[in-house]
Amino acid sequence: MTSKSLKGANDSAGRAGDRVFSGATLFAGCLILLVLFAVAVFLLWQALPTFGAPGEDITGGRGFLSYILPLVVGTVIAAFIALVIATPVGLGVALFISHYAPRRLSQGLGYLVDLLAAIPSVVYGAWGMLVLAPALVGPYNWLAENAGWIPLFAGPASQTGKTMLTAGIVLSVMVLPIITSLSREIFLQTPKLHEEAALAMGATRWEMIRMAVFPFARPGIISAVMLGLGRALGETMAVALVLSSGGLIASLIRPGNQTIAAEIALNFPEAYGLRLSELIAAGLVLFLITLAVNMIARWIIARHKEFSGAN
C-alpha cells in the first residue's frame, strides 16, 4: 500500500472519529436539556395543588406567597453573605498560590484547597453547630450592645449562635474551595507574554496582576463566583444544622429565618398531601432562582468574551 493510500485511510478514519465524537456531544447536550425539562415539568405538575389550594390551607394560613417569601429572602441573604466573605478571600488565596507563593508551597496549598472541596456538607454543618456557633455568641452580644441601632445587628442576640450570619459564614467556607480552585486555574492560564511585557515596562507585580491578569481572568472569575453561588443556594444539611427555624427576621444575629433547601430537607420525610406539594412548589421556586442566576451569569460573561487574552 502506498503512502498516499495510507494517508487517505487515516483521513477517513479521522473524519469518522470526528463524526462519532460530534454526535456523542450533541446527544449529551440534548440529554441534559431533556433532563432539565423533565425536572421542570415534574416540579410544576406536583406543585399545582399548592397553587390552586385556598390560602388558609397553606402552612401559615396566609397563602403560598406569604409562606415562600421568607424562605426566598433567607436563601438570598445566606448566599449573599457567603459570597461577600468567600469571594475576596478566594481570589486572594488564588493569587497567592498562582503568583506569589514558592512552587513547593503553592502545590501544597493547591492540594489543601482541593481537599476542602471534598469534605461532606454535613461535616461543615456539624463544625458550624458545635464549634463556630458557640464561639460567636460573645461577638453577637457585643454587636447587639454596640451596633444594635443597625437593623442587621439588632438584639437580642441568639444565645446559641444559630443565626443567619453563622449560616452565611459556614456557607462561605464551603464555597471558598470552588472559587479558589477555579480562579487559580484561570490566573495560571494568563499569557506569559502579557505578564512579562507589563513587568518589562516597569510595572510592579500588583500592577501587572491588575493590568494583565484580572482583565484576562474576568469571565472565569465570574463563572467561579456563580458556581459558588449555586452551591450556596442549594445547600441543605449544613444550613439545617446551623440555622434555627423561624419566621423572617431582619437581624442577622437573632434566631430565626430559614432557606428553601433547608426547609425541604427538614420537612420532606414526614410530608404528605398538600404539605408535600408545598415543599415541591418551594423546590420549583429554588429551581427558577438558580436558572435565573445562571442566565444572568451567562449574560455577564458574554459581555466580556471579546477579550480572549491572546489577541
Protein backbone atom coordinates (compact mmCIF):
# COMPACT_ATOMS: atom_id res chain seq x y z
CA MET A 1 0.00 0.00 0.00
CA THR A 2 1.38 3.38 -1.00
CA SER A 3 1.85 6.32 1.38
CA LYS A 4 -0.92 8.18 -0.45
CA SER A 5 -3.46 5.44 0.21
CA LEU A 6 -2.34 5.18 3.83
CA LYS A 7 -2.84 8.91 4.26
CA GLY A 8 -6.32 8.67 2.70
CA ALA A 9 -7.27 5.81 5.03
CA ASN A 10 -6.06 7.78 8.05
CA ASP A 11 -8.01 10.85 6.94
CA SER A 12 -11.17 8.76 6.52
CA ALA A 13 -10.73 7.23 9.97
CA GLY A 14 -10.15 10.68 11.43
CA ARG A 15 -13.29 12.07 9.83
CA ALA A 16 -15.29 9.08 11.07
CA GLY A 17 -13.96 9.65 14.59
CA ASP A 18 -14.90 13.33 14.38
CA ARG A 19 -18.41 12.43 13.33
CA VAL A 20 -18.79 9.95 16.18
CA PHE A 21 -17.47 12.44 18.73
CA SER A 22 -19.66 15.23 17.34
CA GLY A 23 -22.73 13.01 17.51
CA ALA A 24 -21.91 11.91 21.07
CA THR A 25 -21.50 15.50 22.28
CA LEU A 26 -24.74 16.53 20.54
CA PHE A 27 -26.56 13.64 22.19
CA ALA A 28 -25.12 14.55 25.62
CA GLY A 29 -26.20 18.19 25.20
CA CYS A 30 -29.71 17.23 24.14
CA LEU A 31 -29.93 14.73 27.01
CA ILE A 32 -29.06 17.44 29.56
CA LEU A 33 -31.74 19.73 28.15
CA LEU A 34 -34.25 16.87 28.20
CA VAL A 35 -33.45 16.06 31.84
CA LEU A 36 -33.80 19.72 32.87
CA PHE A 37 -37.11 19.98 31.03
CA ALA A 38 -38.34 16.78 32.70
CA VAL A 39 -37.36 18.08 36.14
CA ALA A 40 -39.17 21.37 35.50
CA VAL A 41 -42.32 19.58 34.28
CA PHE A 42 -42.27 17.21 37.28
CA LEU A 43 -41.91 20.07 39.78
CA LEU A 44 -44.64 22.11 38.11
CA TRP A 45 -47.03 19.15 37.95
CA GLN A 46 -46.50 18.18 41.57
CA ALA A 47 -46.78 21.82 42.73
CA LEU A 48 -50.11 22.54 41.01
CA PRO A 49 -52.24 21.54 44.03
CA THR A 50 -50.48 24.20 46.10
CA PHE A 51 -51.21 26.95 43.59
CA GLY A 52 -54.89 26.02 43.49
CA ALA A 53 -55.41 25.46 47.23
CA PRO A 54 -57.15 28.02 49.48
CA GLY A 55 -54.76 30.32 51.33
CA GLU A 56 -55.83 29.10 54.77
CA ASP A 57 -54.81 25.52 53.88
CA ILE A 58 -51.21 26.54 53.18
CA THR A 59 -48.67 26.46 56.03
CA GLY A 60 -49.05 29.74 57.90
CA GLY A 61 -52.64 30.19 56.79
CA ARG A 62 -51.95 33.20 54.53
CA GLY A 63 -51.28 31.65 51.15
CA PHE A 64 -48.27 30.31 49.31
CA LEU A 65 -46.69 33.72 48.69
CA SER A 66 -46.58 34.52 52.40
CA TYR A 67 -45.10 31.06 53.03
CA ILE A 68 -42.40 31.13 50.36
CA LEU A 69 -41.31 34.78 50.61
CA PRO A 70 -39.41 34.43 53.93
CA LEU A 71 -37.68 31.32 52.59
CA VAL A 72 -36.62 33.11 49.40
CA VAL A 73 -35.31 36.08 51.40
CA GLY A 74 -33.44 33.77 53.77
CA THR A 75 -31.92 31.85 50.86
CA VAL A 76 -30.73 35.03 49.15
CA ILE A 77 -29.34 36.52 52.37
CA ALA A 78 -27.37 33.39 53.27
CA ALA A 79 -25.94 33.11 49.75
CA PHE A 80 -25.10 36.82 49.68
CA ILE A 81 -23.22 36.64 52.99
CA ALA A 82 -21.32 33.60 51.73
CA LEU A 83 -20.24 35.36 48.54
CA VAL A 84 -19.29 38.59 50.31
CA ILE A 85 -16.93 36.65 52.57
CA ALA A 86 -15.69 33.94 50.21
CA THR A 87 -15.09 35.95 47.01
CA PRO A 88 -12.30 38.30 48.19
CA VAL A 89 -10.70 35.58 50.32
CA GLY A 90 -10.86 33.04 47.49
CA LEU A 91 -9.39 35.46 44.94
CA GLY A 92 -6.64 36.43 47.36
CA VAL A 93 -5.72 32.80 48.05
CA ALA A 94 -5.81 32.01 44.33
CA LEU A 95 -3.50 34.95 43.56
CA PHE A 96 -1.11 33.93 46.31
CA ILE A 97 -0.93 30.36 45.03
CA SER A 98 -0.53 31.35 41.37
CA HIS A 99 1.74 34.42 41.55
CA TYR A 100 3.31 34.87 44.98
CA ALA A 101 3.91 31.56 46.77
CA PRO A 102 7.03 29.45 46.12
CA ARG A 103 6.43 26.42 43.94
CA ARG A 104 6.51 23.84 46.75
CA LEU A 105 4.25 25.88 48.97
CA SER A 106 1.81 26.62 46.14
CA GLN A 107 1.48 22.93 45.31
CA GLY A 108 0.72 22.05 48.94
CA LEU A 109 -1.83 24.84 49.23
CA GLY A 110 -3.45 23.74 45.99
CA TYR A 111 -3.86 20.20 47.30
CA LEU A 112 -5.29 21.55 50.57
CA VAL A 113 -7.86 23.70 48.76
CA ASP A 114 -8.93 20.74 46.63
CA LEU A 115 -9.27 18.65 49.79
CA LEU A 116 -11.58 21.23 51.35
CA ALA A 117 -13.92 20.85 48.38
CA ALA A 118 -14.23 17.11 49.05
CA ILE A 119 -15.41 17.42 52.67
CA PRO A 120 -19.11 16.45 53.02
CA SER A 121 -21.50 19.26 53.83
CA VAL A 122 -22.72 17.52 56.99
CA VAL A 123 -19.19 17.83 58.40
CA TYR A 124 -19.24 21.58 57.79
CA GLY A 125 -22.67 21.72 59.39
CA ALA A 126 -21.50 19.81 62.48
CA TRP A 127 -18.48 22.10 62.78
CA GLY A 128 -20.68 25.16 62.50
CA MET A 129 -23.16 23.85 65.07
CA LEU A 130 -20.68 22.54 67.67
CA VAL A 131 -17.70 24.89 67.27
CA LEU A 132 -18.48 28.06 65.32
CA ALA A 133 -21.95 28.88 66.69
CA PRO A 134 -20.96 28.79 70.41
CA ALA A 135 -17.80 30.79 69.64
CA LEU A 136 -19.86 33.56 68.02
CA VAL A 137 -22.25 34.09 70.94
CA GLY A 138 -19.90 36.62 72.56
CA PRO A 139 -19.32 38.66 69.38
CA TYR A 140 -23.07 38.63 68.70
CA ASN A 141 -23.78 40.05 72.17
CA TRP A 142 -21.16 42.74 71.55
CA LEU A 143 -22.74 43.63 68.22
CA ALA A 144 -26.19 43.82 69.80
CA GLU A 145 -24.91 46.15 72.52
CA ASN A 146 -22.71 48.42 70.38
CA ALA A 147 -24.26 48.24 66.92
CA GLY A 148 -27.84 47.37 67.75
CA TRP A 149 -29.03 50.62 66.17
CA ILE A 150 -28.28 48.97 62.82
CA PRO A 151 -31.26 46.74 61.90
CA LEU A 152 -28.95 43.94 60.75
CA PHE A 153 -27.43 43.70 64.25
CA ALA A 154 -30.49 44.43 66.35
CA GLY A 155 -30.80 42.37 69.51
CA PRO A 156 -31.46 40.39 71.50
CA ALA A 157 -28.65 38.26 70.14
CA SER A 158 -29.04 34.50 69.92
CA GLN A 159 -27.52 32.68 72.89
CA THR A 160 -26.95 29.54 70.81
CA GLY A 161 -25.19 31.25 67.91
CA LYS A 162 -27.54 29.62 65.40
CA THR A 163 -28.28 32.64 63.24
CA MET A 164 -28.32 33.64 59.60
CA LEU A 165 -24.85 35.18 59.92
CA THR A 166 -23.46 31.89 61.25
CA ALA A 167 -25.06 30.02 58.36
CA GLY A 168 -23.56 32.52 55.90
CA ILE A 169 -20.09 32.05 57.40
CA VAL A 170 -20.37 28.25 57.15
CA LEU A 171 -21.53 28.55 53.53
CA SER A 172 -18.61 30.88 52.76
CA VAL A 173 -16.18 28.21 53.97
CA MET A 174 -17.96 25.66 51.79
CA VAL A 175 -17.86 27.74 48.58
CA LEU A 176 -14.33 29.02 49.21
CA PRO A 177 -12.61 25.96 47.62
CA ILE A 178 -14.75 26.28 44.48
CA ILE A 179 -13.94 29.95 43.93
CA THR A 180 -10.27 29.47 44.83
CA SER A 181 -9.65 26.42 42.63
CA LEU A 182 -11.31 27.83 39.51
CA SER A 183 -9.76 31.27 39.93
CA ARG A 184 -6.31 29.75 40.43
CA GLU A 185 -6.57 27.79 37.19
CA ILE A 186 -7.74 30.90 35.32
CA PHE A 187 -4.89 33.00 36.73
CA LEU A 188 -2.35 30.37 35.68
CA GLN A 189 -3.69 30.48 32.10
CA THR A 190 -2.87 34.19 31.70
CA PRO A 191 -0.49 34.53 28.69
CA LYS A 192 3.07 34.81 29.98
CA LEU A 193 3.90 37.33 27.25
CA HIS A 194 1.36 39.74 28.73
CA GLU A 195 2.79 39.37 32.22
CA GLU A 196 6.39 39.70 31.04
CA ALA A 197 5.54 42.73 28.89
CA ALA A 198 3.94 44.50 31.86
CA LEU A 199 6.95 43.73 34.08
CA ALA A 200 9.38 44.83 31.34
CA MET A 201 7.63 48.21 31.18
CA GLY A 202 8.39 48.76 34.86
CA ALA A 203 5.11 47.63 36.42
CA THR A 204 5.17 46.16 39.89
CA ARG A 205 3.82 42.68 40.43
CA TRP A 206 0.49 44.02 41.67
CA GLU A 207 0.23 46.42 38.72
CA MET A 208 0.99 43.52 36.38
CA ILE A 209 -1.80 41.48 38.01
CA ARG A 210 -4.22 44.39 37.78
CA MET A 211 -3.43 45.20 34.13
CA ALA A 212 -2.76 41.74 32.65
CA VAL A 213 -4.19 39.01 34.89
CA PHE A 214 -7.54 40.44 36.01
CA PRO A 215 -8.76 41.52 32.53
CA PHE A 216 -7.94 38.09 31.12
CA ALA A 217 -9.49 36.23 34.08
CA ARG A 218 -12.65 38.33 34.48
CA PRO A 219 -15.05 35.86 32.75
CA GLY A 220 -13.51 32.97 34.66
CA ILE A 221 -13.83 34.82 37.96
CA ILE A 222 -17.49 35.48 37.27
CA SER A 223 -18.03 31.82 36.43
CA ALA A 224 -16.29 30.74 39.65
CA VAL A 225 -18.40 33.10 41.74
CA MET A 226 -21.60 31.91 40.06
CA LEU A 227 -20.70 28.27 40.71
CA GLY A 228 -20.09 29.15 44.34
CA LEU A 229 -23.44 30.93 44.42
CA GLY A 230 -25.14 27.81 43.05
CA ARG A 231 -23.58 25.75 45.85
CA ALA A 232 -24.71 28.27 48.44
CA LEU A 233 -28.28 28.46 47.10
CA GLY A 234 -28.77 24.70 47.10
CA GLU A 235 -27.01 23.73 50.33
CA THR A 236 -29.22 21.77 52.74
CA MET A 237 -27.69 19.89 55.66
CA ALA A 238 -25.10 22.46 56.71
CA VAL A 239 -27.73 25.19 56.88
CA ALA A 240 -30.27 22.91 58.55
CA LEU A 241 -27.79 22.07 61.32
CA VAL A 242 -26.63 25.64 61.88
CA LEU A 243 -29.78 27.71 61.42
CA SER A 244 -32.67 27.88 63.88
CA SER A 245 -36.09 27.68 62.28
CA GLY A 246 -38.34 30.69 62.48
CA GLY A 247 -40.05 33.47 60.60
CA LEU A 248 -38.43 36.25 58.63
CA ILE A 249 -36.24 38.44 60.87
CA ALA A 250 -34.23 41.45 59.67
CA SER A 251 -31.43 40.95 62.19
CA LEU A 252 -28.59 38.61 61.29
CA ILE A 253 -27.73 37.81 64.92
CA ARG A 254 -31.17 36.80 66.18
CA PRO A 255 -32.58 33.27 65.90
CA GLY A 256 -34.94 32.73 63.01
CA ASN A 257 -35.04 32.71 59.22
CA GLN A 258 -34.70 29.66 57.02
CA THR A 259 -33.66 28.77 53.47
CA ILE A 260 -35.65 26.89 50.85
CA ALA A 261 -33.25 23.95 50.66
CA ALA A 262 -33.09 23.52 54.44
CA GLU A 263 -36.88 23.82 54.72
CA ILE A 264 -37.30 21.00 52.22
CA ALA A 265 -34.66 18.81 53.87
CA LEU A 266 -36.14 19.21 57.35
CA ASN A 267 -39.79 18.63 56.45
CA PHE A 268 -39.83 16.35 53.40
CA PRO A 269 -39.54 12.96 55.19
CA GLU A 270 -42.79 13.49 57.15
CA ALA A 271 -44.67 15.47 54.49
CA TYR A 272 -47.72 14.14 52.65
CA GLY A 273 -50.69 15.53 50.77
CA LEU A 274 -50.79 19.29 50.40
CA ARG A 275 -47.73 19.75 52.62
CA LEU A 276 -45.71 17.63 50.21
CA SER A 277 -46.99 19.72 47.32
CA GLU A 278 -45.91 22.88 49.20
CA LEU A 279 -42.35 21.63 49.54
CA ILE A 280 -42.20 20.64 45.88
CA ALA A 281 -43.50 24.10 44.96
CA ALA A 282 -40.71 25.57 47.10
CA GLY A 283 -38.27 23.40 45.15
CA LEU A 284 -39.72 24.78 41.93
CA VAL A 285 -39.07 28.33 43.17
CA LEU A 286 -35.47 27.40 44.02
CA PHE A 287 -35.11 25.84 40.56
CA LEU A 288 -36.28 29.09 38.94
CA ILE A 289 -33.95 31.19 41.12
CA THR A 290 -30.98 29.04 40.16
CA LEU A 291 -31.95 29.18 36.50
CA ALA A 292 -32.23 32.98 36.65
CA VAL A 293 -28.84 33.29 38.36
CA ASN A 294 -27.16 31.15 35.70
CA MET A 295 -28.78 33.10 32.88
CA ILE A 296 -27.59 36.39 34.38
CA ALA A 297 -24.11 34.94 34.76
CA ARG A 298 -24.03 33.83 31.13
CA TRP A 299 -25.14 37.30 30.06
CA ILE A 300 -22.38 38.94 32.11
CA ILE A 301 -19.75 36.57 30.73
CA ALA A 302 -20.94 37.16 27.16
CA ARG A 303 -20.30 40.89 27.58
CA HIS A 304 -16.61 40.21 28.22
CA LYS A 305 -15.98 37.30 25.86
CA GLU A 306 -14.48 39.60 23.19
CA PHE A 307 -11.29 39.83 25.25
CA SER A 308 -9.57 36.50 24.99
CA GLY A 309 -6.17 37.45 26.38
CA ALA A 310 -4.47 36.15 23.28
CA ASN A 311 -5.12 38.96 20.85
